[in-house]
PDB file of N, CA and C in Angstrom:
ATOM      1  N   UNK A   1       5.216   0.267 -11.193  1.00  0.00           N
ATOM      2  CA  UNK A   1       5.407   1.701 -11.058  1.00  0.00           C
ATOM      3  C   UNK A   1       5.897   2.318 -12.372  1.00  0.00           C
ATOM      4  N   UNK A   2       6.854   1.701 -13.066  1.00  0.00           N
ATOM      5  CA  UNK A   2       7.361   2.331 -14.290  1.00  0.00           C
ATOM      6  C   UNK A   2       6.310   2.470 -15.399  1.00  0.00           C
ATOM      7  N   UNK A   3       5.300   1.608 -15.408  1.00  0.00           N
ATOM      8  CA  UNK A   3       4.313   1.727 -16.483  1.00  0.00           C
ATOM      9  C   UNK A   3       3.257   2.786 -16.192  1.00  0.00           C
ATOM     10  N   UNK A   4       3.254   3.318 -14.968  1.00  0.00           N
ATOM     11  CA  UNK A   4       2.322   4.393 -14.644  1.00  0.00           C
ATOM     12  C   UNK A   4       2.666   5.648 -15.416  1.00  0.00           C
ATOM     13  N   UNK A   5       1.652   6.424 -15.728  1.00  0.00           N
ATOM     14  CA  UNK A   5       1.862   7.639 -16.512  1.00  0.00           C
ATOM     15  C   UNK A   5       1.873   8.857 -15.606  1.00  0.00           C
ATOM     16  N   UNK A   6       2.757   9.780 -15.936  1.00  0.00           N
ATOM     17  CA  UNK A   6       2.815  11.032 -15.186  1.00  0.00           C
ATOM     18  C   UNK A   6       1.487  11.757 -15.306  1.00  0.00           C
ATOM     19  N   UNK A   7       1.113  12.405 -14.250  1.00  0.00           N
ATOM     20  CA  UNK A   7      -0.116  13.203 -14.192  1.00  0.00           C
ATOM     21  C   UNK A   7      -1.377  12.366 -14.389  1.00  0.00           C
ATOM     22  N   UNK A   8      -1.227  11.069 -14.243  1.00  0.00           N
ATOM     23  CA  UNK A   8      -2.367  10.171 -14.303  1.00  0.00           C
ATOM     24  C   UNK A   8      -2.279   9.198 -13.119  1.00  0.00           C
ATOM     25  N   UNK A   9      -2.635   9.691 -11.934  1.00  0.00           N
ATOM     26  CA  UNK A   9      -2.468   8.878 -10.732  1.00  0.00           C
ATOM     27  C   UNK A   9      -3.217   7.542 -10.789  1.00  0.00           C
ATOM     28  N   UNK A  10      -4.318   7.516 -11.508  1.00  0.00           N
ATOM     29  CA  UNK A  10      -5.085   6.283 -11.601  1.00  0.00           C
ATOM     30  C   UNK A  10      -4.290   5.175 -12.301  1.00  0.00           C
ATOM     31  N   UNK A  11      -3.345   5.539 -13.155  1.00  0.00           N
ATOM     32  CA  UNK A  11      -2.535   4.535 -13.856  1.00  0.00           C
ATOM     33  C   UNK A  11      -1.590   3.810 -12.903  1.00  0.00           C
ATOM     34  N   UNK A  12      -1.404   4.351 -11.715  1.00  0.00           N
ATOM     35  CA  UNK A  12      -0.535   3.698 -10.727  1.00  0.00           C
ATOM     36  C   UNK A  12      -1.331   2.910  -9.693  1.00  0.00           C
ATOM     37  N   UNK A  13      -2.635   2.838  -9.844  1.00  0.00           N
ATOM     38  CA  UNK A  13      -3.475   2.105  -8.894  1.00  0.00           C
ATOM     39  C   UNK A  13      -3.085   0.629  -8.788  1.00  0.00           C
ATOM     40  N   UNK A  14      -2.822  -0.074  -9.896  1.00  0.00           N
ATOM     41  CA  UNK A  14      -2.415  -1.479  -9.756  1.00  0.00           C
ATOM     42  C   UNK A  14      -1.111  -1.626  -8.964  1.00  0.00           C
ATOM     43  N   UNK A  15      -0.169  -0.729  -9.175  1.00  0.00           N
ATOM     44  CA  UNK A  15       1.089  -0.759  -8.433  1.00  0.00           C
ATOM     45  C   UNK A  15       0.831  -0.594  -6.939  1.00  0.00           C
ATOM     46  N   UNK A  16       0.005   0.370  -6.589  1.00  0.00           N
ATOM     47  CA  UNK A  16      -0.300   0.607  -5.171  1.00  0.00           C
ATOM     48  C   UNK A  16      -0.899  -0.631  -4.533  1.00  0.00           C
ATOM     49  N   UNK A  17      -1.858  -1.243  -5.219  1.00  0.00           N
ATOM     50  CA  UNK A  17      -2.519  -2.424  -4.665  1.00  0.00           C
ATOM     51  C   UNK A  17      -1.536  -3.573  -4.499  1.00  0.00           C
ATOM     52  N   UNK A  18      -0.760  -3.849  -5.529  1.00  0.00           N
ATOM     53  CA  UNK A  18       0.169  -4.979  -5.472  1.00  0.00           C
ATOM     54  C   UNK A  18       1.277  -4.732  -4.442  1.00  0.00           C
ATOM     55  N   UNK A  19       1.782  -3.525  -4.359  1.00  0.00           N
ATOM     56  CA  UNK A  19       2.831  -3.218  -3.386  1.00  0.00           C
ATOM     57  C   UNK A  19       2.312  -3.365  -1.961  1.00  0.00           C
ATOM     58  N   UNK A  20       1.118  -2.839  -1.694  1.00  0.00           N
ATOM     59  CA  UNK A  20       0.537  -2.987  -0.357  1.00  0.00           C
ATOM     60  C   UNK A  20       0.302  -4.453  -0.024  1.00  0.00           C
ATOM     61  N   UNK A  21      -0.204  -5.196  -0.975  1.00  0.00           N
ATOM     62  CA  UNK A  21      -0.466  -6.615  -0.741  1.00  0.00           C
ATOM     63  C   UNK A  21       0.842  -7.381  -0.512  1.00  0.00           C
ATOM     64  N   UNK A  22       1.881  -7.039  -1.259  1.00  0.00           N
ATOM     65  CA  UNK A  22       3.177  -7.705  -1.083  1.00  0.00           C
ATOM     66  C   UNK A  22       3.741  -7.442   0.315  1.00  0.00           C
ATOM     67  N   UNK A  23       3.643  -6.206   0.783  1.00  0.00           N
ATOM     68  CA  UNK A  23       4.119  -5.890   2.139  1.00  0.00           C
ATOM     69  C   UNK A  23       3.371  -6.748   3.150  1.00  0.00           C
ATOM     70  N   UNK A  24       2.073  -6.830   2.984  1.00  0.00           N
ATOM     71  CA  UNK A  24       1.264  -7.630   3.907  1.00  0.00           C
ATOM     72  C   UNK A  24       1.690  -9.104   3.870  1.00  0.00           C
ATOM     73  N   UNK A  25       1.908  -9.646   2.683  1.00  0.00           N
ATOM     74  CA  UNK A  25       2.293 -11.051   2.561  1.00  0.00           C
ATOM     75  C   UNK A  25       3.680 -11.319   3.142  1.00  0.00           C
ATOM     76  N   UNK A  26       4.614 -10.409   2.944  1.00  0.00           N
ATOM     77  CA  UNK A  26       5.942 -10.576   3.554  1.00  0.00           C
ATOM     78  C   UNK A  26       5.838 -10.570   5.078  1.00  0.00           C
ATOM     79  N   UNK A  27       5.070  -9.643   5.623  1.00  0.00           N
ATOM     80  CA  UNK A  27       4.904  -9.610   7.078  1.00  0.00           C
ATOM     81  C   UNK A  27       4.211 -10.877   7.577  1.00  0.00           C
ATOM     82  N   UNK A  28       3.233 -11.367   6.815  1.00  0.00           N
ATOM     83  CA  UNK A  28       2.565 -12.622   7.185  1.00  0.00           C
ATOM     84  C   UNK A  28       3.559 -13.783   7.208  1.00  0.00           C
ATOM     85  N   UNK A  29       4.402 -13.863   6.184  1.00  0.00           N
ATOM     86  CA  UNK A  29       5.398 -14.936   6.120  1.00  0.00           C
ATOM     87  C   UNK A  29       6.330 -14.875   7.322  1.00  0.00           C
ATOM     88  N   UNK A  30       6.741 -13.670   7.687  1.00  0.00           N
ATOM     89  CA  UNK A  30       7.617 -13.525   8.844  1.00  0.00           C
ATOM     90  C   UNK A  30       6.908 -13.973  10.120  1.00  0.00           C
ATOM     91  N   UNK A  31       5.664 -13.539  10.286  1.00  0.00           N
ATOM     92  CA  UNK A  31       4.927 -13.909  11.492  1.00  0.00           C
ATOM     93  C   UNK A  31       4.695 -15.412  11.568  1.00  0.00           C
ATOM     94  N   UNK A  32       4.393 -16.033  10.454  1.00  0.00           N
ATOM     95  CA  UNK A  32       4.244 -17.498  10.444  1.00  0.00           C
ATOM     96  C   UNK A  32       5.554 -18.174  10.834  1.00  0.00           C
ATOM     97  N   UNK A  33       6.664 -17.701  10.289  1.00  0.00           N
ATOM     98  CA  UNK A  33       7.971 -18.270  10.615  1.00  0.00           C
ATOM     99  C   UNK A  33       8.332 -18.037  12.081  1.00  0.00           C
ATOM    100  N   UNK A  34       7.805 -16.963  12.660  1.00  0.00           N
ATOM    101  CA  UNK A  34       8.081 -16.641  14.058  1.00  0.00           C
ATOM    102  C   UNK A  34       7.164 -17.402  15.015  1.00  0.00           C
ATOM    103  N   UNK A  35       6.249 -18.190  14.459  1.00  0.00           N
ATOM    104  CA  UNK A  35       5.410 -19.029  15.316  1.00  0.00           C
ATOM    105  C   UNK A  35       3.999 -18.547  15.547  1.00  0.00           C
ATOM    106  N   UNK A  36       3.584 -17.477  14.905  1.00  0.00           N
ATOM    107  CA  UNK A  36       2.206 -17.017  15.045  1.00  0.00           C
ATOM    108  C   UNK A  36       1.288 -17.950  14.253  1.00  0.00           C
ATOM    109  N   UNK A  37       0.103 -18.147  14.747  1.00  0.00           N
ATOM    110  CA  UNK A  37      -0.836 -19.038  14.055  1.00  0.00           C
ATOM    111  C   UNK A  37      -1.513 -18.308  12.897  1.00  0.00           C
ATOM    112  N   UNK A  38      -1.910 -19.046  11.866  1.00  0.00           N
ATOM    113  CA  UNK A  38      -2.635 -18.422  10.751  1.00  0.00           C
ATOM    114  C   UNK A  38      -3.910 -17.708  11.210  1.00  0.00           C
ATOM    115  N   UNK A  39      -4.582 -18.265  12.203  1.00  0.00           N
ATOM    116  CA  UNK A  39      -5.808 -17.644  12.717  1.00  0.00           C
ATOM    117  C   UNK A  39      -5.504 -16.286  13.331  1.00  0.00           C
ATOM    118  N   UNK A  40      -4.441 -16.224  14.098  1.00  0.00           N
ATOM    119  CA  UNK A  40      -4.048 -14.962  14.731  1.00  0.00           C
ATOM    120  C   UNK A  40      -3.697 -13.913  13.665  1.00  0.00           C
ATOM    121  N   UNK A  41      -3.020 -14.330  12.623  1.00  0.00           N
ATOM    122  CA  UNK A  41      -2.640 -13.411  11.550  1.00  0.00           C
ATOM    123  C   UNK A  41      -3.872 -12.942  10.785  1.00  0.00           C
ATOM    124  N   UNK A  42      -4.811 -13.847  10.519  1.00  0.00           N
ATOM    125  CA  UNK A  42      -6.044 -13.453   9.816  1.00  0.00           C
ATOM    126  C   UNK A  42      -6.843 -12.435  10.618  1.00  0.00           C
ATOM    127  N   UNK A  43      -6.791 -12.535  11.937  1.00  0.00           N
ATOM    128  CA  UNK A  43      -7.532 -11.590  12.782  1.00  0.00           C
ATOM    129  C   UNK A  43      -7.007 -10.158  12.644  1.00  0.00           C
ATOM    130  N   UNK A  44      -5.791 -10.012  12.155  1.00  0.00           N
ATOM    131  CA  UNK A  44      -5.236  -8.671  11.957  1.00  0.00           C
ATOM    132  C   UNK A  44      -5.860  -7.972  10.760  1.00  0.00           C
ATOM    133  N   UNK A  45      -6.618  -8.729   9.961  1.00  0.00           N
ATOM    134  CA  UNK A  45      -7.247  -8.211   8.752  1.00  0.00           C
ATOM    135  C   UNK A  45      -6.170  -7.629   7.848  1.00  0.00           C
ATOM    136  N   UNK A  46      -6.344  -6.420   7.359  1.00  0.00           N
ATOM    137  CA  UNK A  46      -5.337  -5.793   6.501  1.00  0.00           C
ATOM    138  C   UNK A  46      -4.691  -4.615   7.227  1.00  0.00           C
ATOM    139  N   UNK A  47      -4.610  -4.726   8.539  1.00  0.00           N
ATOM    140  CA  UNK A  47      -4.103  -3.638   9.369  1.00  0.00           C
ATOM    141  C   UNK A  47      -2.587  -3.767   9.536  1.00  0.00           C
ATOM    142  N   UNK A  48      -1.843  -2.904   8.870  1.00  0.00           N
ATOM    143  CA  UNK A  48      -0.384  -2.996   8.866  1.00  0.00           C
ATOM    144  C   UNK A  48       0.246  -2.612  10.197  1.00  0.00           C
ATOM    145  N   UNK A  49      -0.370  -1.731  10.952  1.00  0.00           N
ATOM    146  CA  UNK A  49       0.198  -1.276  12.225  1.00  0.00           C
ATOM    147  C   UNK A  49       0.410  -2.417  13.199  1.00  0.00           C
ATOM    148  N   UNK A  50      -0.661  -3.119  13.582  1.00  0.00           N
ATOM    149  CA  UNK A  50      -0.487  -4.251  14.496  1.00  0.00           C
ATOM    150  C   UNK A  50       0.381  -5.361  13.895  1.00  0.00           C
ATOM    151  N   UNK A  51       0.252  -5.583  12.600  1.00  0.00           N
ATOM    152  CA  UNK A  51       1.053  -6.613  11.929  1.00  0.00           C
ATOM    153  C   UNK A  51       2.546  -6.266  12.065  1.00  0.00           C
ATOM    154  N   UNK A  52       2.908  -5.015  11.822  1.00  0.00           N
ATOM    155  CA  UNK A  52       4.297  -4.591  11.975  1.00  0.00           C
ATOM    156  C   UNK A  52       4.716  -4.654  13.443  1.00  0.00           C
ATOM    157  N   UNK A  53       3.815  -4.308  14.339  1.00  0.00           N
ATOM    158  CA  UNK A  53       4.114  -4.388  15.767  1.00  0.00           C
ATOM    159  C   UNK A  53       4.440  -5.806  16.209  1.00  0.00           C
ATOM    160  N   UNK A  54       3.668  -6.769  15.742  1.00  0.00           N
ATOM    161  CA  UNK A  54       3.951  -8.174  16.061  1.00  0.00           C
ATOM    162  C   UNK A  54       5.293  -8.604  15.464  1.00  0.00           C
ATOM    163  N   UNK A  55       5.576  -8.146  14.259  1.00  0.00           N
ATOM    164  CA  UNK A  55       6.836  -8.506  13.610  1.00  0.00           C
ATOM    165  C   UNK A  55       8.022  -7.919  14.373  1.00  0.00           C
ATOM    166  N   UNK A  56       7.894  -6.681  14.830  1.00  0.00           N
ATOM    167  CA  UNK A  56       8.957  -6.060  15.622  1.00  0.00           C
ATOM    168  C   UNK A  56       9.138  -6.827  16.929  1.00  0.00           C
ATOM    169  N   UNK A  57       8.024  -7.225  17.532  1.00  0.00           N
ATOM    170  CA  UNK A  57       8.093  -8.019  18.759  1.00  0.00           C
ATOM    171  C   UNK A  57       8.765  -9.372  18.548  1.00  0.00           C
ATOM    172  N   UNK A  58       8.715  -9.857  17.313  1.00  0.00           N
ATOM    173  CA  UNK A  58       9.341 -11.143  16.983  1.00  0.00           C
ATOM    174  C   UNK A  58      10.744 -10.925  16.415  1.00  0.00           C
ATOM    175  N   UNK A  59      11.315  -9.748  16.646  1.00  0.00           N
ATOM    176  CA  UNK A  59      12.705  -9.425  16.302  1.00  0.00           C
ATOM    177  C   UNK A  59      12.966  -9.057  14.841  1.00  0.00           C
ATOM    178  N   UNK A  60      11.963  -8.580  14.119  1.00  0.00           N
ATOM    179  CA  UNK A  60      12.214  -8.019  12.787  1.00  0.00           C
ATOM    180  C   UNK A  60      12.639  -6.568  12.987  1.00  0.00           C
ATOM    181  N   UNK A  61      13.790  -6.211  12.464  1.00  0.00           N
ATOM    182  CA  UNK A  61      14.326  -4.862  12.646  1.00  0.00           C
ATOM    183  C   UNK A  61      14.077  -4.066  11.365  1.00  0.00           C
ATOM    184  N   UNK A  62      13.252  -3.032  11.497  1.00  0.00           N
ATOM    185  CA  UNK A  62      12.944  -2.154  10.374  1.00  0.00           C
ATOM    186  C   UNK A  62      13.362  -0.727  10.728  1.00  0.00           C
ATOM    187  N   UNK A  63      13.686   0.043   9.709  1.00  0.00           N
ATOM    188  CA  UNK A  63      14.045   1.440   9.936  1.00  0.00           C
ATOM    189  C   UNK A  63      12.837   2.205  10.465  1.00  0.00           C
ATOM    190  N   UNK A  64      13.139   3.273  11.169  1.00  0.00           N
ATOM    191  CA  UNK A  64      12.090   4.100  11.761  1.00  0.00           C
ATOM    192  C   UNK A  64      11.140   4.640  10.691  1.00  0.00           C
ATOM    193  N   UNK A  65      11.692   5.092   9.553  1.00  0.00           N
ATOM    194  CA  UNK A  65      10.841   5.644   8.484  1.00  0.00           C
ATOM    195  C   UNK A  65       9.892   4.583   7.932  1.00  0.00           C
ATOM    196  N   UNK A  66      10.366   3.359   7.839  1.00  0.00           N
ATOM    197  CA  UNK A  66       9.515   2.279   7.339  1.00  0.00           C
ATOM    198  C   UNK A  66       8.403   1.995   8.337  1.00  0.00           C
ATOM    199  N   UNK A  67       8.739   1.943   9.606  1.00  0.00           N
ATOM    200  CA  UNK A  67       7.710   1.718  10.632  1.00  0.00           C
ATOM    201  C   UNK A  67       6.670   2.832  10.634  1.00  0.00           C
ATOM    202  N   UNK A  68       7.131   4.058  10.524  1.00  0.00           N
ATOM    203  CA  UNK A  68       6.193   5.185  10.472  1.00  0.00           C
ATOM    204  C   UNK A  68       5.289   5.073   9.247  1.00  0.00           C
ATOM    205  N   UNK A  69       5.861   4.676   8.119  1.00  0.00           N
ATOM    206  CA  UNK A  69       5.061   4.532   6.905  1.00  0.00           C
ATOM    207  C   UNK A  69       4.032   3.419   7.067  1.00  0.00           C
ATOM    208  N   UNK A  70       4.425   2.292   7.623  1.00  0.00           N
ATOM    209  CA  UNK A  70       3.478   1.194   7.828  1.00  0.00           C
ATOM    210  C   UNK A  70       2.349   1.611   8.768  1.00  0.00           C
ATOM    211  N   UNK A  71       2.679   2.382   9.794  1.00  0.00           N
ATOM    212  CA  UNK A  71       1.647   2.873  10.702  1.00  0.00           C
ATOM    213  C   UNK A  71       0.718   3.866  10.004  1.00  0.00           C
ATOM    214  N   UNK A  72       1.270   4.720   9.145  1.00  0.00           N
ATOM    215  CA  UNK A  72       0.418   5.649   8.388  1.00  0.00           C
ATOM    216  C   UNK A  72      -0.491   4.890   7.428  1.00  0.00           C
ATOM    217  N   UNK A  73       0.043   3.854   6.788  1.00  0.00           N
ATOM    218  CA  UNK A  73      -0.798   3.023   5.915  1.00  0.00           C
ATOM    219  C   UNK A  73      -1.970   2.455   6.701  1.00  0.00           C
ATOM    220  N   UNK A  74      -1.688   2.046   7.922  1.00  0.00           N
ATOM    221  CA  UNK A  74      -2.727   1.486   8.778  1.00  0.00           C
ATOM    222  C   UNK A  74      -3.745   2.550   9.181  1.00  0.00           C
ATOM    223  N   UNK A  75      -3.261   3.693   9.625  1.00  0.00           N
ATOM    224  CA  UNK A  75      -4.149   4.771  10.055  1.00  0.00           C
ATOM    225  C   UNK A  75      -5.070   5.242   8.938  1.00  0.00           C
ATOM    226  N   UNK A  76      -4.543   5.280   7.738  1.00  0.00           N
ATOM    227  CA  UNK A  76      -5.309   5.780   6.589  1.00  0.00           C
ATOM    228  C   UNK A  76      -6.104   4.689   5.889  1.00  0.00           C
ATOM    229  N   UNK A  77      -5.990   3.473   6.409  1.00  0.00           N
ATOM    230  CA  UNK A  77      -6.684   2.325   5.803  1.00  0.00           C
ATOM    231  C   UNK A  77      -6.359   2.232   4.305  1.00  0.00           C
ATOM    232  N   UNK A  78      -5.068   2.421   4.031  1.00  0.00           N
ATOM    233  CA  UNK A  78      -4.591   2.506   2.656  1.00  0.00           C
ATOM    234  C   UNK A  78      -4.883   1.237   1.860  1.00  0.00           C
ATOM    235  N   UNK A  79      -4.760   0.079   2.492  1.00  0.00           N
ATOM    236  CA  UNK A  79      -5.000  -1.166   1.763  1.00  0.00           C
ATOM    237  C   UNK A  79      -6.438  -1.214   1.248  1.00  0.00           C
ATOM    238  N   UNK A  80      -7.385  -0.891   2.107  1.00  0.00           N
ATOM    239  CA  UNK A  80      -8.787  -0.926   1.700  1.00  0.00           C
ATOM    240  C   UNK A  80      -9.088   0.140   0.657  1.00  0.00           C
ATOM    241  N   UNK A  81      -8.469   1.292   0.818  1.00  0.00           N
ATOM    242  CA  UNK A  81      -8.668   2.362  -0.160  1.00  0.00           C
ATOM    243  C   UNK A  81      -8.156   1.940  -1.525  1.00  0.00           C
ATOM    244  N   UNK A  82      -6.950   1.361  -1.569  1.00  0.00           N
ATOM    245  CA  UNK A  82      -6.393   0.965  -2.864  1.00  0.00           C
ATOM    246  C   UNK A  82      -7.152  -0.206  -3.468  1.00  0.00           C
ATOM    247  N   UNK A  83      -7.737  -1.016  -2.622  1.00  0.00           N
ATOM    248  CA  UNK A  83      -8.457  -2.178  -3.146  1.00  0.00           C
ATOM    249  C   UNK A  83      -9.829  -1.818  -3.695  1.00  0.00           C
ATOM    250  N   UNK A  84     -10.511  -0.904  -3.025  1.00  0.00           N
ATOM    251  CA  UNK A  84     -11.901  -0.646  -3.398  1.00  0.00           C
ATOM    252  C   UNK A  84     -12.145   0.719  -4.027  1.00  0.00           C
ATOM    253  N   UNK A  85     -11.223   1.662  -3.884  1.00  0.00           N
ATOM    254  CA  UNK A  85     -11.456   3.004  -4.403  1.00  0.00           C
ATOM    255  C   UNK A  85     -10.625   3.300  -5.647  1.00  0.00           C
ATOM    256  N   UNK A  86      -9.472   2.711  -5.767  1.00  0.00           N
ATOM    257  CA  UNK A  86      -8.553   2.836  -6.908  1.00  0.00           C
ATOM    258  C   UNK A  86      -7.894   4.199  -7.024  1.00  0.00           C
ATOM    259  N   UNK A  87      -8.660   5.258  -7.045  1.00  0.00           N
ATOM    260  CA  UNK A  87      -8.085   6.593  -7.238  1.00  0.00           C
ATOM    261  C   UNK A  87      -7.244   6.962  -6.018  1.00  0.00           C
ATOM    262  N   UNK A  88      -6.001   7.366  -6.225  1.00  0.00           N
ATOM    263  CA  UNK A  88      -5.164   7.734  -5.089  1.00  0.00           C
ATOM    264  C   UNK A  88      -5.703   8.978  -4.399  1.00  0.00           C
ATOM    265  N   UNK A  89      -5.568   8.992  -3.119  1.00  0.00           N
ATOM    266  CA  UNK A  89      -5.992  10.146  -2.341  1.00  0.00           C
ATOM    267  C   UNK A  89      -4.793  11.059  -2.136  1.00  0.00           C
ATOM    268  N   UNK A  90      -5.039  12.191  -1.584  1.00  0.00           N
ATOM    269  CA  UNK A  90      -3.954  13.129  -1.305  1.00  0.00           C
ATOM    270  C   UNK A  90      -3.009  12.568  -0.252  1.00  0.00           C
ATOM    271  N   UNK A  91      -3.457  11.568   0.516  1.00  0.00           N
ATOM    272  CA  UNK A  91      -2.620  11.020   1.576  1.00  0.00           C
ATOM    273  C   UNK A  91      -1.753   9.862   1.092  1.00  0.00           C
ATOM    274  N   UNK A  92      -1.927   9.411  -0.135  1.00  0.00           N
ATOM    275  CA  UNK A  92      -1.109   8.313  -0.647  1.00  0.00           C
ATOM    276  C   UNK A  92       0.340   8.763  -0.773  1.00  0.00           C
ATOM    277  N   UNK A  93       1.247   7.880  -0.402  1.00  0.00           N
ATOM    278  CA  UNK A  93       2.669   8.197  -0.454  1.00  0.00           C
ATOM    279  C   UNK A  93       3.354   7.239  -1.421  1.00  0.00           C
ATOM    280  N   UNK A  94       3.175   7.474  -2.701  1.00  0.00           N
ATOM    281  CA  UNK A  94       3.778   6.598  -3.698  1.00  0.00           C
ATOM    282  C   UNK A  94       5.301   6.574  -3.601  1.00  0.00           C
ATOM    283  N   UNK A  95       5.904   7.704  -3.290  1.00  0.00           N
ATOM    284  CA  UNK A  95       7.364   7.763  -3.223  1.00  0.00           C
ATOM    285  C   UNK A  95       7.917   6.992  -2.023  1.00  0.00           C
ATOM    286  N   UNK A  96       7.116   6.693  -1.048  1.00  0.00           N
ATOM    287  CA  UNK A  96       7.563   5.968   0.138  1.00  0.00           C
ATOM    288  C   UNK A  96       7.238   4.470   0.029  1.00  0.00           C
ATOM    289  N   UNK A  97       6.347   4.121  -0.868  1.00  0.00           N
ATOM    290  CA  UNK A  97       5.879   2.739  -0.977  1.00  0.00           C
ATOM    291  C   UNK A  97       6.989   1.785  -1.415  1.00  0.00           C
ATOM    292  N   UNK A  98       7.749   2.143  -2.433  1.00  0.00           N
ATOM    293  CA  UNK A  98       8.819   1.267  -2.920  1.00  0.00           C
ATOM    294  C   UNK A  98       9.913   1.051  -1.875  1.00  0.00           C
ATOM    295  N   UNK A  99      10.411   2.089  -1.195  1.00  0.00           N
ATOM    296  CA  UNK A  99      11.429   1.828  -0.170  1.00  0.00           C
ATOM    297  C   UNK A  99      10.918   0.937   0.966  1.00  0.00           C
ATOM    298  N   UNK A 100       9.664   1.110   1.355  1.00  0.00           N
ATOM    299  CA  UNK A 100       9.107   0.263   2.415  1.00  0.00           C
ATOM    300  C   UNK A 100       9.002  -1.178   1.945  1.00  0.00           C
ATOM    301  N   UNK A 101       8.489  -1.363   0.747  1.00  0.00           N
ATOM    302  CA  UNK A 101       8.369  -2.715   0.194  1.00  0.00           C
ATOM    303  C   UNK A 101       9.739  -3.366   0.066  1.00  0.00           C
ATOM    304  N   UNK A 102      10.699  -2.639  -0.446  1.00  0.00           N
ATOM    305  CA  UNK A 102      12.044  -3.186  -0.634  1.00  0.00           C
ATOM    306  C   UNK A 102      12.662  -3.602   0.692  1.00  0.00           C
ATOM    307  N   UNK A 103      12.550  -2.757   1.699  1.00  0.00           N
ATOM    308  CA  UNK A 103      13.148  -3.086   2.994  1.00  0.00           C
ATOM    309  C   UNK A 103      12.477  -4.303   3.621  1.00  0.00           C
ATOM    310  N   UNK A 104      11.157  -4.322   3.626  1.00  0.00           N
ATOM    311  CA  UNK A 104      10.442  -5.464   4.212  1.00  0.00           C
ATOM    312  C   UNK A 104      10.788  -6.744   3.452  1.00  0.00           C
ATOM    313  N   UNK A 105      10.794  -6.679   2.128  1.00  0.00           N
ATOM    314  CA  UNK A 105      11.090  -7.865   1.315  1.00  0.00           C
ATOM    315  C   UNK A 105      12.495  -8.388   1.590  1.00  0.00           C
ATOM    316  N   UNK A 106      13.477  -7.504   1.606  1.00  0.00           N
ATOM    317  CA  UNK A 106      14.857  -7.939   1.819  1.00  0.00           C
ATOM    318  C   UNK A 106      15.063  -8.538   3.200  1.00  0.00           C
ATOM    319  N   UNK A 107      14.543  -7.887   4.215  1.00  0.00           N
ATOM    320  CA  UNK A 107      14.782  -8.359   5.578  1.00  0.00           C
ATOM    321  C   UNK A 107      14.017  -9.637   5.883  1.00  0.00           C
ATOM    322  N   UNK A 108      12.784  -9.724   5.420  1.00  0.00           N
ATOM    323  CA  UNK A 108      12.017 -10.949   5.663  1.00  0.00           C
ATOM    324  C   UNK A 108      12.612 -12.105   4.865  1.00  0.00           C
ATOM    325  N   UNK A 109      12.985 -11.868   3.632  1.00  0.00           N
ATOM    326  CA  UNK A 109      13.582 -12.928   2.806  1.00  0.00           C
ATOM    327  C   UNK A 109      14.877 -13.444   3.418  1.00  0.00           C
ATOM    328  N   UNK A 110      15.669 -12.557   3.982  1.00  0.00           N
ATOM    329  CA  UNK A 110      16.926 -12.965   4.606  1.00  0.00           C
ATOM    330  C   UNK A 110      16.679 -13.831   5.836  1.00  0.00           C
ATOM    331  N   UNK A 111      15.603 -13.545   6.557  1.00  0.00           N
ATOM    332  CA  UNK A 111      15.317 -14.297   7.780  1.00  0.00           C
ATOM    333  C   UNK A 111      14.579 -15.588   7.470  1.00  0.00           C
ATOM    334  N   UNK A 112      13.549 -15.492   6.674  1.00  0.00           N
ATOM    335  CA  UNK A 112      12.708 -16.656   6.381  1.00  0.00           C
ATOM    336  C   UNK A 112      13.400 -17.569   5.372  1.00  0.00           C
ATOM    337  N   UNK A 113      14.093 -16.988   4.413  1.00  0.00           N
ATOM    338  CA  UNK A 113      14.804 -17.770   3.414  1.00  0.00           C
ATOM    339  C   UNK A 113      13.917 -18.123   2.244  1.00  0.00           C
ATOM    340  N   UNK A 114      14.556 -18.557   1.204  1.00  0.00           N
ATOM    341  CA  UNK A 114      13.824 -18.956  -0.007  1.00  0.00           C
ATOM    342  C   UNK A 114      13.160 -20.308   0.219  1.00  0.00           C
ATOM    343  N   UNK A 115      12.005 -20.516  -0.388  1.00  0.00           N
ATOM    344  CA  UNK A 115      11.337 -21.809  -0.225  1.00  0.00           C
ATOM    345  C   UNK A 115      12.167 -22.920  -0.843  1.00  0.00           C
ATOM    346  N   UNK A 116      12.116 -24.080  -0.219  1.00  0.00           N
ATOM    347  CA  UNK A 116      12.869 -25.221  -0.722  1.00  0.00           C
ATOM    348  C   UNK A 116      12.012 -26.010  -1.693  1.00  0.00           C
ATOM    349  N   UNK A 117      12.652 -26.564  -2.685  1.00  0.00           N
ATOM    350  CA  UNK A 117      11.938 -27.390  -3.666  1.00  0.00           C
ATOM    351  C   UNK A 117      11.502 -28.701  -2.995  1.00  0.00           C
ATOM    352  N   UNK A 118      10.302 -29.095  -3.286  1.00  0.00           N
ATOM    353  CA  UNK A 118       9.785 -30.351  -2.747  1.00  0.00           C
ATOM    354  C   UNK A 118      10.172 -31.468  -3.695  1.00  0.00           C
ATOM    355  N   UNK A 119      10.786 -32.542  -3.145  1.00  0.00           N
ATOM    356  CA  UNK A 119      11.169 -33.651  -4.031  1.00  0.00           C
ATOM    357  C   UNK A 119      10.210 -34.802  -3.921  1.00  0.00           C
TER     358      UNK A 119
END
């Protein structure tokens, strides 16, 4: 995000893609730790709404604003847009992306824990 240039939304396209992908991977890690199968998680495709719903059902507690943002990302197919279109749309919420990513990362990391070194 910091390397993006003001008034040049396209310069923030890599940030949008990586942030969306990171949120998806954190939710996947949580769902795997909660006992969901990899096949079941793959069937969710890149749809954040159902993925967040499964995580909430598995006792991940997220703020209401974060849940609303994840559902909006899903409704707007934001992941696919950022992956294949690059140019941000008027519906992109860059200012909400970092708080959502931070909250998901912190809460999932606290529950799942850091990976252990293999000896």
